PDB file of N, CA and C in Angstrom:
ATOM      1  N   MET A   1       1.173  14.940  11.825  1.00  0.00           N
ATOM      2  CA  MET A   1       1.429  14.517  10.525  1.00  0.00           C
ATOM      3  C   MET A   1       1.723  13.036  10.504  1.00  0.00           C
ATOM      4  N   LEU A   2       1.261  12.287   9.531  1.00  0.00           N
ATOM      5  CA  LEU A   2       1.487  10.938   9.384  1.00  0.00           C
ATOM      6  C   LEU A   2       2.921  10.754   8.874  1.00  0.00           C
ATOM      7  N   LEU A   3       3.569   9.835   9.575  1.00  0.00           N
ATOM      8  CA  LEU A   3       4.849   9.479   9.029  1.00  0.00           C
ATOM      9  C   LEU A   3       4.901   8.024   8.373  1.00  0.00           C
ATOM     10  N   ILE A   4       5.405   7.910   7.208  1.00  0.00           N
ATOM     11  CA  ILE A   4       5.364   6.688   6.459  1.00  0.00           C
ATOM     12  C   ILE A   4       6.877   6.192   6.423  1.00  0.00           C
ATOM     13  N   ASP A   5       6.960   4.866   6.669  1.00  0.00           N
ATOM     14  CA  ASP A   5       8.260   4.335   6.755  1.00  0.00           C
ATOM     15  C   ASP A   5       8.642   3.699   5.338  1.00  0.00           C
ATOM     16  N   CYS A   6       9.340   4.453   4.486  1.00  0.00           N
ATOM     17  CA  CYS A   6       9.751   3.869   3.195  1.00  0.00           C
ATOM     18  C   CYS A   6      10.691   2.865   3.435  1.00  0.00           C
ATOM     19  N   PRO A   7      10.519   1.690   2.829  1.00  0.00           N
ATOM     20  CA  PRO A   7      11.544   0.608   3.086  1.00  0.00           C
ATOM     21  C   PRO A   7      12.849   0.960   2.468  1.00  0.00           C
ATOM     22  N   TYR A   8      13.081   1.936   1.585  1.00  0.00           N
ATOM     23  CA  TYR A   8      14.294   2.290   1.031  1.00  0.00           C
ATOM     24  C   TYR A   8      14.887   3.455   1.647  1.00  0.00           C
ATOM     25  N   CYS A   9      14.110   4.416   2.280  1.00  0.00           N
ATOM     26  CA  CYS A   9      14.559   5.657   2.797  1.00  0.00           C
ATOM     27  C   CYS A   9      14.427   5.835   4.255  1.00  0.00           C
ATOM     28  N   GLY A  10      13.534   5.101   4.827  1.00  0.00           N
ATOM     29  CA  GLY A  10      13.151   5.310   6.273  1.00  0.00           C
ATOM     30  C   GLY A  10      11.942   6.238   6.473  1.00  0.00           C
ATOM     31  N   LEU A  11      11.776   6.693   7.597  1.00  0.00           N
ATOM     32  CA  LEU A  11      10.534   7.525   7.923  1.00  0.00           C
ATOM     33  C   LEU A  11      10.609   8.822   7.320  1.00  0.00           C
ATOM     34  N   ARG A  12       9.485   9.186   6.691  1.00  0.00           N
ATOM     35  CA  ARG A  12       9.369  10.526   5.990  1.00  0.00           C
ATOM     36  C   ARG A  12       7.924  10.945   6.059  1.00  0.00           C
ATOM     37  N   PRO A  13       7.645  12.289   6.006  1.00  0.00           N
ATOM     38  CA  PRO A  13       6.232  12.778   6.165  1.00  0.00           C
ATOM     39  C   PRO A  13       5.467  12.371   5.014  1.00  0.00           C
ATOM     40  N   GLU A  14       4.113  12.221   5.373  1.00  0.00           N
ATOM     41  CA  GLU A  14       3.225  11.765   4.307  1.00  0.00           C
ATOM     42  C   GLU A  14       3.162  12.553   3.009  1.00  0.00           C
ATOM     43  N   ILE A  15       3.459  13.872   3.033  1.00  0.00           N
ATOM     44  CA  ILE A  15       3.289  14.679   1.829  1.00  0.00           C
ATOM     45  C   ILE A  15       4.364  14.287   0.813  1.00  0.00           C
ATOM     46  N   GLU A  16       5.349  13.433   1.196  1.00  0.00           N
ATOM     47  CA  GLU A  16       6.318  13.014   0.118  1.00  0.00           C
ATOM     48  C   GLU A  16       5.861  11.733  -0.695  1.00  0.00           C
ATOM     49  N   PHE A  17       4.590  11.243  -0.280  1.00  0.00           N
ATOM     50  CA  PHE A  17       4.158  10.054  -0.905  1.00  0.00           C
ATOM     51  C   PHE A  17       2.902  10.182  -1.765  1.00  0.00           C
ATOM     52  N   SER A  18       2.732   9.293  -2.685  1.00  0.00           N
ATOM     53  CA  SER A  18       1.335   9.350  -3.342  1.00  0.00           C
ATOM     54  C   SER A  18       0.874   7.834  -3.321  1.00  0.00           C
ATOM     55  N   TYR A  19      -0.470   7.662  -3.242  1.00  0.00           N
ATOM     56  CA  TYR A  19      -1.170   6.486  -3.133  1.00  0.00           C
ATOM     57  C   TYR A  19      -1.123   5.831  -4.492  1.00  0.00           C
ATOM     58  N   GLY A  20      -1.073   4.520  -4.558  1.00  0.00           N
ATOM     59  CA  GLY A  20      -0.947   3.955  -5.935  1.00  0.00           C
ATOM     60  C   GLY A  20      -1.911   2.751  -6.182  1.00  0.00           C
ATOM     61  N   GLY A  21      -2.980   2.630  -5.271  1.00  0.00           N
ATOM     62  CA  GLY A  21      -4.005   1.639  -5.338  1.00  0.00           C
ATOM     63  C   GLY A  21      -3.729   0.485  -4.642  1.00  0.00           C
ATOM     64  N   GLU A  22      -4.574  -0.684  -4.959  1.00  0.00           N
ATOM     65  CA  GLU A  22      -4.498  -1.938  -4.208  1.00  0.00           C
ATOM     66  C   GLU A  22      -3.200  -2.638  -4.649  1.00  0.00           C
ATOM     67  N   ALA A  23      -2.573  -3.352  -3.805  1.00  0.00           N
ATOM     68  CA  ALA A  23      -1.309  -4.072  -3.996  1.00  0.00           C
ATOM     69  C   ALA A  23      -1.605  -5.472  -4.405  1.00  0.00           C
ATOM     70  N   HIS A  24      -0.561  -6.143  -4.940  1.00  0.00           N
ATOM     71  CA  HIS A  24      -0.595  -7.554  -5.295  1.00  0.00           C
ATOM     72  C   HIS A  24      -1.633  -7.937  -6.390  1.00  0.00           C
ATOM     73  N   LEU A  25      -1.866  -7.004  -7.337  1.00  0.00           N
ATOM     74  CA  LEU A  25      -2.715  -7.283  -8.482  1.00  0.00           C
ATOM     75  C   LEU A  25      -1.803  -7.812  -9.605  1.00  0.00           C
ATOM     76  N   ALA A  26      -2.165  -8.999 -10.070  1.00  0.00           N
ATOM     77  CA  ALA A  26      -1.453  -9.505 -11.249  1.00  0.00           C
ATOM     78  C   ALA A  26      -2.166  -9.221 -12.605  1.00  0.00           C
ATOM     79  N   ARG A  27      -1.410  -8.645 -13.411  1.00  0.00           N
ATOM     80  CA  ARG A  27      -2.056  -8.394 -14.872  1.00  0.00           C
ATOM     81  C   ARG A  27      -2.262  -9.657 -15.598  1.00  0.00           C
ATOM     82  N   PRO A  28      -3.313  -9.841 -16.242  1.00  0.00           N
ATOM     83  CA  PRO A  28      -3.592 -11.086 -16.943  1.00  0.00           C
ATOM     84  C   PRO A  28      -2.521 -11.281 -18.011  1.00  0.00           C
ATOM     85  N   GLN A  29      -2.155 -12.637 -18.092  1.00  0.00           N
ATOM     86  CA  GLN A  29      -1.063 -13.043 -19.042  1.00  0.00           C
ATOM     87  C   GLN A  29      -1.485 -12.684 -20.424  1.00  0.00           C
ATOM     88  N   ARG A  30      -2.700 -12.906 -20.772  1.00  0.00           N
ATOM     89  CA  ARG A  30      -3.027 -12.616 -22.187  1.00  0.00           C
ATOM     90  C   ARG A  30      -4.309 -11.740 -22.149  1.00  0.00           C
ATOM     91  N   PRO A  31      -4.129 -10.446 -21.973  1.00  0.00           N
ATOM     92  CA  PRO A  31      -5.298  -9.609 -21.811  1.00  0.00           C
ATOM     93  C   PRO A  31      -6.232  -9.484 -23.056  1.00  0.00           C
ATOM     94  N   SER A  32      -5.681  -9.809 -24.236  1.00  0.00           N
ATOM     95  CA  SER A  32      -6.496  -9.946 -25.498  1.00  0.00           C
ATOM     96  C   SER A  32      -7.423 -11.060 -25.533  1.00  0.00           C
ATOM     97  N   ASP A  33      -7.185 -11.977 -24.701  1.00  0.00           N
ATOM     98  CA  ASP A  33      -8.122 -13.118 -24.549  1.00  0.00           C
ATOM     99  C   ASP A  33      -9.349 -12.915 -23.670  1.00  0.00           C
ATOM    100  N   LEU A  34      -9.313 -11.804 -22.912  1.00  0.00           N
ATOM    101  CA  LEU A  34     -10.474 -11.439 -21.885  1.00  0.00           C
ATOM    102  C   LEU A  34     -11.503 -10.807 -22.708  1.00  0.00           C
ATOM    103  N   ASP A  35     -12.764 -11.188 -22.294  1.00  0.00           N
ATOM    104  CA  ASP A  35     -13.955 -10.386 -22.815  1.00  0.00           C
ATOM    105  C   ASP A  35     -14.151  -9.092 -22.130  1.00  0.00           C
ATOM    106  N   ASP A  36     -14.964  -8.334 -22.513  1.00  0.00           N
ATOM    107  CA  ASP A  36     -15.064  -6.907 -21.980  1.00  0.00           C
ATOM    108  C   ASP A  36     -15.319  -6.875 -20.418  1.00  0.00           C
ATOM    109  N   GLN A  37     -16.215  -7.808 -20.008  1.00  0.00           N
ATOM    110  CA  GLN A  37     -16.510  -7.864 -18.624  1.00  0.00           C
ATOM    111  C   GLN A  37     -15.298  -8.189 -17.761  1.00  0.00           C
ATOM    112  N   ALA A  38     -14.515  -9.308 -18.247  1.00  0.00           N
ATOM    113  CA  ALA A  38     -13.310  -9.675 -17.459  1.00  0.00           C
ATOM    114  C   ALA A  38     -12.226  -8.528 -17.479  1.00  0.00           C
ATOM    115  N   TRP A  39     -12.134  -7.844 -18.579  1.00  0.00           N
ATOM    116  CA  TRP A  39     -11.129  -6.787 -18.633  1.00  0.00           C
ATOM    117  C   TRP A  39     -11.597  -5.579 -17.736  1.00  0.00           C
ATOM    118  N   SER A  40     -12.771  -5.335 -17.778  1.00  0.00           N
ATOM    119  CA  SER A  40     -13.370  -4.245 -16.888  1.00  0.00           C
ATOM    120  C   SER A  40     -13.181  -4.609 -15.424  1.00  0.00           C
ATOM    121  N   ASP A  41     -13.486  -5.897 -15.056  1.00  0.00           N
ATOM    122  CA  ASP A  41     -13.138  -6.260 -13.684  1.00  0.00           C
ATOM    123  C   ASP A  41     -11.828  -6.150 -13.214  1.00  0.00           C
ATOM    124  N   PHE A  42     -10.860  -6.529 -14.155  1.00  0.00           N
ATOM    125  CA  PHE A  42      -9.399  -6.260 -13.856  1.00  0.00           C
ATOM    126  C   PHE A  42      -9.062  -4.859 -13.661  1.00  0.00           C
ATOM    127  N   LEU A  43      -9.588  -3.934 -14.443  1.00  0.00           N
ATOM    128  CA  LEU A  43      -9.369  -2.575 -14.461  1.00  0.00           C
ATOM    129  C   LEU A  43      -9.921  -1.753 -13.199  1.00  0.00           C
ATOM    130  N   TYR A  44     -11.148  -2.163 -12.919  1.00  0.00           N
ATOM    131  CA  TYR A  44     -11.962  -1.401 -12.003  1.00  0.00           C
ATOM    132  C   TYR A  44     -12.402  -2.013 -10.673  1.00  0.00           C
ATOM    133  N   THR A  45     -12.480  -3.225 -10.630  1.00  0.00           N
ATOM    134  CA  THR A  45     -12.920  -3.918  -9.386  1.00  0.00           C
ATOM    135  C   THR A  45     -11.757  -4.170  -8.405  1.00  0.00           C
ATOM    136  N   ARG A  46     -12.045  -3.586  -7.257  1.00  0.00           N
ATOM    137  CA  ARG A  46     -11.065  -3.618  -6.267  1.00  0.00           C
ATOM    138  C   ARG A  46     -11.570  -3.955  -4.859  1.00  0.00           C
ATOM    139  N   ALA A  47     -10.830  -4.588  -4.010  1.00  0.00           N
ATOM    140  CA  ALA A  47     -11.396  -4.912  -2.611  1.00  0.00           C
ATOM    141  C   ALA A  47     -11.572  -3.598  -1.964  1.00  0.00           C
ATOM    142  N   ASN A  48     -12.669  -3.497  -1.114  1.00  0.00           N
ATOM    143  CA  ASN A  48     -12.849  -2.339  -0.300  1.00  0.00           C
ATOM    144  C   ASN A  48     -13.077  -2.814   1.158  1.00  0.00           C
ATOM    145  N   VAL A  49     -11.957  -3.243   1.838  1.00  0.00           N
ATOM    146  CA  VAL A  49     -12.019  -3.971   3.017  1.00  0.00           C
ATOM    147  C   VAL A  49     -12.077  -3.009   4.114  1.00  0.00           C
ATOM    148  N   LYS A  50     -12.782  -3.443   5.184  1.00  0.00           N
ATOM    149  CA  LYS A  50     -12.742  -2.754   6.533  1.00  0.00           C
ATOM    150  C   LYS A  50     -11.760  -3.476   7.357  1.00  0.00           C
ATOM    151  N   GLY A  51     -10.631  -2.947   7.489  1.00  0.00           N
ATOM    152  CA  GLY A  51      -9.486  -3.574   8.311  1.00  0.00           C
ATOM    153  C   GLY A  51      -8.192  -3.514   7.583  1.00  0.00           C
ATOM    154  N   VAL A  52      -7.390  -4.485   7.668  1.00  0.00           N
ATOM    155  CA  VAL A  52      -6.067  -4.447   7.094  1.00  0.00           C
ATOM    156  C   VAL A  52      -6.155  -4.669   5.567  1.00  0.00           C
ATOM    157  N   HIS A  53      -5.511  -3.711   4.805  1.00  0.00           N
ATOM    158  CA  HIS A  53      -5.571  -3.602   3.409  1.00  0.00           C
ATOM    159  C   HIS A  53      -4.206  -3.497   2.818  1.00  0.00           C
ATOM    160  N   ALA A  54      -3.748  -4.182   1.836  1.00  0.00           N
ATOM    161  CA  ALA A  54      -2.456  -4.110   1.202  1.00  0.00           C
ATOM    162  C   ALA A  54      -2.642  -3.068   0.070  1.00  0.00           C
ATOM    163  N   GLU A  55      -1.721  -2.034   0.096  1.00  0.00           N
ATOM    164  CA  GLU A  55      -1.712  -0.927  -0.898  1.00  0.00           C
ATOM    165  C   GLU A  55      -0.410  -0.633  -1.434  1.00  0.00           C
ATOM    166  N   ARG A  56      -0.421  -0.059  -2.698  1.00  0.00           N
ATOM    167  CA  ARG A  56       0.817   0.348  -3.260  1.00  0.00           C
ATOM    168  C   ARG A  56       1.026   1.831  -2.970  1.00  0.00           C
ATOM    169  N   TRP A  57       2.249   2.195  -2.605  1.00  0.00           N
ATOM    170  CA  TRP A  57       2.517   3.653  -2.479  1.00  0.00           C
ATOM    171  C   TRP A  57       3.770   3.918  -3.106  1.00  0.00           C
ATOM    172  N   ARG A  58       4.012   5.174  -3.494  1.00  0.00           N
ATOM    173  CA  ARG A  58       5.155   5.681  -4.146  1.00  0.00           C
ATOM    174  C   ARG A  58       5.770   6.787  -3.610  1.00  0.00           C
ATOM    175  N   HIS A  59       7.107   6.655  -3.173  1.00  0.00           N
ATOM    176  CA  HIS A  59       7.799   7.760  -2.530  1.00  0.00           C
ATOM    177  C   HIS A  59       8.153   8.841  -3.684  1.00  0.00           C
ATOM    178  N   ALA A  60       7.143   9.524  -4.109  1.00  0.00           N
ATOM    179  CA  ALA A  60       7.194  10.435  -5.091  1.00  0.00           C
ATOM    180  C   ALA A  60       8.164  11.639  -4.967  1.00  0.00           C
ATOM    181  N   ARG A  61       8.216  12.165  -3.693  1.00  0.00           N
ATOM    182  CA  ARG A  61       9.166  13.205  -3.410  1.00  0.00           C
ATOM    183  C   ARG A  61      10.451  12.793  -2.801  1.00  0.00           C
ATOM    184  N   GLY A  62      10.839  11.612  -3.010  1.00  0.00           N
ATOM    185  CA  GLY A  62      11.955  10.900  -2.332  1.00  0.00           C
ATOM    186  C   GLY A  62      12.753  10.123  -3.348  1.00  0.00           C
ATOM    187  N   CYS A  63      12.748   8.903  -3.085  1.00  0.00           N
ATOM    188  CA  CYS A  63      13.538   7.983  -3.986  1.00  0.00           C
ATOM    189  C   CYS A  63      12.778   7.624  -5.260  1.00  0.00           C
ATOM    190  N   GLY A  64      11.542   7.872  -5.307  1.00  0.00           N
ATOM    191  CA  GLY A  64      10.732   7.653  -6.460  1.00  0.00           C
ATOM    192  C   GLY A  64      10.277   6.225  -6.626  1.00  0.00           C
ATOM    193  N   ARG A  65      10.529   5.381  -5.675  1.00  0.00           N
ATOM    194  CA  ARG A  65      10.233   3.910  -5.782  1.00  0.00           C
ATOM    195  C   ARG A  65       8.903   3.562  -5.183  1.00  0.00           C
ATOM    196  N   PHE A  66       8.326   2.572  -5.803  1.00  0.00           N
ATOM    197  CA  PHE A  66       7.021   2.005  -5.347  1.00  0.00           C
ATOM    198  C   PHE A  66       7.409   0.997  -4.135  1.00  0.00           C
ATOM    199  N   PHE A  67       6.460   0.876  -3.331  1.00  0.00           N
ATOM    200  CA  PHE A  67       6.493  -0.124  -2.318  1.00  0.00           C
ATOM    201  C   PHE A  67       5.092  -0.459  -1.911  1.00  0.00           C
ATOM    202  N   ASN A  68       4.935  -1.464  -1.043  1.00  0.00           N
ATOM    203  CA  ASN A  68       3.634  -1.863  -0.551  1.00  0.00           C
ATOM    204  C   ASN A  68       3.620  -1.552   1.035  1.00  0.00           C
ATOM    205  N   ALA A  69       2.337  -1.303   1.391  1.00  0.00           N
ATOM    206  CA  ALA A  69       2.090  -0.998   2.871  1.00  0.00           C
ATOM    207  C   ALA A  69       0.875  -1.697   3.190  1.00  0.00           C
ATOM    208  N   LEU A  70       0.808  -2.164   4.494  1.00  0.00           N
ATOM    209  CA  LEU A  70      -0.442  -2.758   5.030  1.00  0.00           C
ATOM    210  C   LEU A  70      -1.063  -1.606   5.972  1.00  0.00           C
ATOM    211  N   ARG A  71      -2.211  -1.211   5.594  1.00  0.00           N
ATOM    212  CA  ARG A  71      -2.903  -0.124   6.389  1.00  0.00           C
ATOM    213  C   ARG A  71      -4.212  -0.574   6.861  1.00  0.00           C
ATOM    214  N   ASP A  72      -4.564  -0.314   8.201  1.00  0.00           N
ATOM    215  CA  ASP A  72      -5.679  -0.674   8.817  1.00  0.00           C
ATOM    216  C   ASP A  72      -6.716   0.506   8.503  1.00  0.00           C
ATOM    217  N   THR A  73      -7.686   0.199   7.588  1.00  0.00           N
ATOM    218  CA  THR A  73      -8.607   1.278   7.087  1.00  0.00           C
ATOM    219  C   THR A  73      -9.539   1.774   8.225  1.00  0.00           C
ATOM    220  N   THR A  74      -9.637   1.045   9.334  1.00  0.00           N
ATOM    221  CA  THR A  74     -10.608   1.565  10.395  1.00  0.00           C
ATOM    222  C   THR A  74      -9.847   2.670  11.269  1.00  0.00           C
ATOM    223  N   SER A  75      -8.534   2.573  11.310  1.00  0.00           N
ATOM    224  CA  SER A  75      -7.805   3.458  12.192  1.00  0.00           C
ATOM    225  C   SER A  75      -6.740   4.445  11.362  1.00  0.00           C
ATOM    226  N   ASP A  76      -6.632   4.152   9.950  1.00  0.00           N
ATOM    227  CA  ASP A  76      -5.779   4.873   9.149  1.00  0.00           C
ATOM    228  C   ASP A  76      -4.303   4.646   9.634  1.00  0.00           C
ATOM    229  N   ARG A  77      -3.935   3.681  10.339  1.00  0.00           N
ATOM    230  CA  ARG A  77      -2.552   3.445  10.725  1.00  0.00           C
ATOM    231  C   ARG A  77      -1.915   2.432   9.726  1.00  0.00           C
ATOM    232  N   ILE A  78      -0.713   2.775   9.407  1.00  0.00           N
ATOM    233  CA  ILE A  78       0.090   1.961   8.529  1.00  0.00           C
ATOM    234  C   ILE A  78       0.814   0.857   9.474  1.00  0.00           C
ATOM    235  N   LEU A  79       0.519  -0.353   9.323  1.00  0.00           N
ATOM    236  CA  LEU A  79       1.050  -1.381  10.152  1.00  0.00           C
ATOM    237  C   LEU A  79       2.377  -1.897   9.703  1.00  0.00           C
ATOM    238  N   ALA A  80       2.623  -1.898   8.460  1.00  0.00           N
ATOM    239  CA  ALA A  80       3.900  -2.387   7.875  1.00  0.00           C
ATOM    240  C   ALA A  80       4.161  -1.925   6.608  1.00  0.00           C
ATOM    241  N   THR A  81       5.394  -1.733   6.133  1.00  0.00           N
ATOM    242  CA  THR A  81       5.788  -1.409   4.750  1.00  0.00           C
ATOM    243  C   THR A  81       6.764  -2.444   4.270  1.00  0.00           C
ATOM    244  N   TYR A  82       6.799  -2.710   3.065  1.00  0.00           N
ATOM    245  CA  TYR A  82       7.685  -3.744   2.473  1.00  0.00           C
ATOM    246  C   TYR A  82       7.983  -3.417   1.078  1.00  0.00           C
ATOM    247  N   GLU A  83       9.048  -3.989   0.544  1.00  0.00           N
ATOM    248  CA  GLU A  83       9.511  -3.702  -0.937  1.00  0.00           C
ATOM    249  C   GLU A  83       8.426  -4.495  -1.820  1.00  0.00           C
ATOM    250  N   THR A  84       8.253  -3.795  -2.973  1.00  0.00           N
ATOM    251  CA  THR A  84       7.510  -4.448  -3.950  1.00  0.00           C
ATOM    252  C   THR A  84       8.097  -5.759  -4.402  1.00  0.00           C
ATOM    253  N   GLY A  85       7.357  -6.818  -4.566  1.00  0.00           N
ATOM    254  CA  GLY A  85       7.877  -8.165  -4.933  1.00  0.00           C
ATOM    255  C   GLY A  85       8.022  -9.057  -3.744  1.00  0.00           C
ATOM    256  N   ARG A  86       8.074  -8.561  -2.558  1.00  0.00           N
ATOM    257  CA  ARG A  86       8.160  -9.317  -1.380  1.00  0.00           C
ATOM    258  C   ARG A  86       6.743  -9.844  -0.981  1.00  0.00           C
ATOM    259  N   PRO A  87       6.650 -10.881  -0.231  1.00  0.00           N
ATOM    260  CA  PRO A  87       5.434 -11.436   0.224  1.00  0.00           C
ATOM    261  C   PRO A  87       4.838 -10.461   1.218  1.00  0.00           C
ATOM    262  N   ARG A  88       3.543 -10.485   1.336  1.00  0.00           N
ATOM    263  CA  ARG A  88       2.686  -9.736   2.413  1.00  0.00           C
ATOM    264  C   ARG A  88       3.127 -10.213   3.790  1.00  0.00           C
ATOM    265  N   PRO A  89       3.604  -9.286   4.661  1.00  0.00           N
ATOM    266  CA  PRO A  89       3.963  -9.716   5.922  1.00  0.00           C
ATOM    267  C   PRO A  89       2.561 -10.116   6.847  1.00  0.00           C
ATOM    268  N   ASP A  90       2.644 -11.044   7.719  1.00  0.00           N
ATOM    269  CA  ASP A  90       1.509 -11.477   8.529  1.00  0.00           C
ATOM    270  C   ASP A  90       1.461 -10.402   9.689  1.00  0.00           C
ATOM    271  N   VAL A  91       0.561  -9.458   9.611  1.00  0.00           N
ATOM    272  CA  VAL A  91       0.283  -8.480  10.581  1.00  0.00           C
ATOM    273  C   VAL A  91      -1.187  -8.372  10.964  1.00  0.00           C
ATOM    274  N   ALA A  92      -1.383  -8.284  12.202  1.00  0.00           N
ATOM    275  CA  ALA A  92      -2.840  -8.220  12.744  1.00  0.00           C
ATOM    276  C   ALA A  92      -3.200  -6.778  12.963  1.00  0.00           C
ATOM    277  N   PRO A  93      -4.472  -6.396  12.929  1.00  0.00           N
ATOM    278  CA  PRO A  93      -4.908  -4.989  13.189  1.00  0.00           C
ATOM    279  C   PRO A  93      -4.509  -4.714  14.622  1.00  0.00           C
ATOM    280  N   GLY A  94      -4.243  -3.402  14.848  1.00  0.00           N
ATOM    281  CA  GLY A  94      -3.930  -2.958  16.204  1.00  0.00           C
ATOM    282  C   GLY A  94      -2.514  -3.208  16.609  1.00  0.00           C
ATOM    283  N   THR A  95      -1.691  -3.738  15.584  1.00  0.00           N
ATOM    284  CA  THR A  95      -0.278  -3.963  16.032  1.00  0.00           C
ATOM    285  C   THR A  95       0.645  -3.044  15.468  1.00  0.00           C
ATOM    286  N   ALA A  96       0.197  -1.821  14.998  1.00  0.00           N
ATOM    287  CA  ALA A  96       1.178  -0.813  14.546  1.00  0.00           C
ATOM    288  C   ALA A  96       2.066  -0.415  15.492  1.00  0.00           C
ATOM    289  N   LYS A  97       3.321  -0.194  15.135  1.00  0.00           N
ATOM    290  CA  LYS A  97       4.242   0.399  16.086  1.00  0.00           C
ATOM    291  C   LYS A  97       3.923   1.926  16.377  1.00  0.00           C
ATOM    292  N   PRO A  98       4.076   2.210  17.622  1.00  0.00           N
ATOM    293  CA  PRO A  98       3.785   3.726  17.903  1.00  0.00           C
ATOM    294  C   PRO A  98       4.709   4.674  17.155  1.00  0.00           C
ATOM    295  N   PRO A  99       4.150   5.837  16.722  1.00  0.00           N
ATOM    296  CA  PRO A  99       5.057   6.683  15.959  1.00  0.00           C
ATOM    297  C   PRO A  99       6.105   7.181  16.838  1.00  0.00           C
ATOM    298  N   PRO A 100       7.234   7.579  16.222  1.00  0.00           N
ATOM    299  CA  PRO A 100       8.301   8.199  17.016  1.00  0.00           C
ATOM    300  C   PRO A 100       8.024   9.508  17.630  1.00  0.00           C
ATOM    301  N   SER A 101       8.713   9.861  18.592  1.00  0.00           N
ATOM    302  CA  SER A 101       8.436  11.217  19.198  1.00  0.00           C
ATOM    303  C   SER A 101       8.488  12.313  18.288  1.00  0.00           C
ATOM    304  N   GLY A 102       7.543  13.295  18.335  1.00  0.00           N
ATOM    305  CA  GLY A 102       7.671  14.425  17.422  1.00  0.00           C
ATOM    306  C   GLY A 102       6.663  14.227  16.179  1.00  0.00           C
ATOM    307  N   GLY A 103       6.138  13.080  15.942  1.00  0.00           N
ATOM    308  CA  GLY A 103       5.363  12.990  14.916  1.00  0.00           C
ATOM    309  C   GLY A 103       4.205  11.879  15.207  1.00  0.00           C
ATOM    310  N   GLY A 104       3.348  11.662  14.307  1.00  0.00           N
ATOM    311  CA  GLY A 104       2.357  10.597  14.650  1.00  0.00           C
ATOM    312  C   GLY A 104       1.283  10.525  13.724  1.00  0.00           C
ATOM    313  N   ALA A 105       0.599   9.393  13.858  1.00  0.00           N
ATOM    314  CA  ALA A 105      -0.688   9.204  13.026  1.00  0.00           C
ATOM    315  C   ALA A 105      -1.877   9.178  13.842  1.00  0.00           C
TER     316      ALA A 105
END
C-alpha cells in the first residue's frame, strides 16, 4: 500500500486521500473578462507531464485539509508533500525517500 505523508498528520495509507488535480493553478482575477476559449482553457487544459508533477491532494478521511505533492508520474512515487500556499520544493526525479518498514510504494 502506498503511504502518503500528510504535512499536517504524518504518514497515512493512500485510502485516506483523494486526488484534487494539478497544483499551483491561479484563478483568473476577472473571469468575466475572459472569452469562451480562455475560460475553457483555464477549466480544462492541464499539464500532462512525464516526470515530476505538482498535484493537489486532500486528506479526506483524516484532517480534511488540502496539500500539495510532487509525484513522479513515471514511477508513481511521491517525492515530497508540502502545505498549500508554500512554494514548490526543488526535488529531482528518483530522489524519493524510501518507504518506512512495513509499507511502501
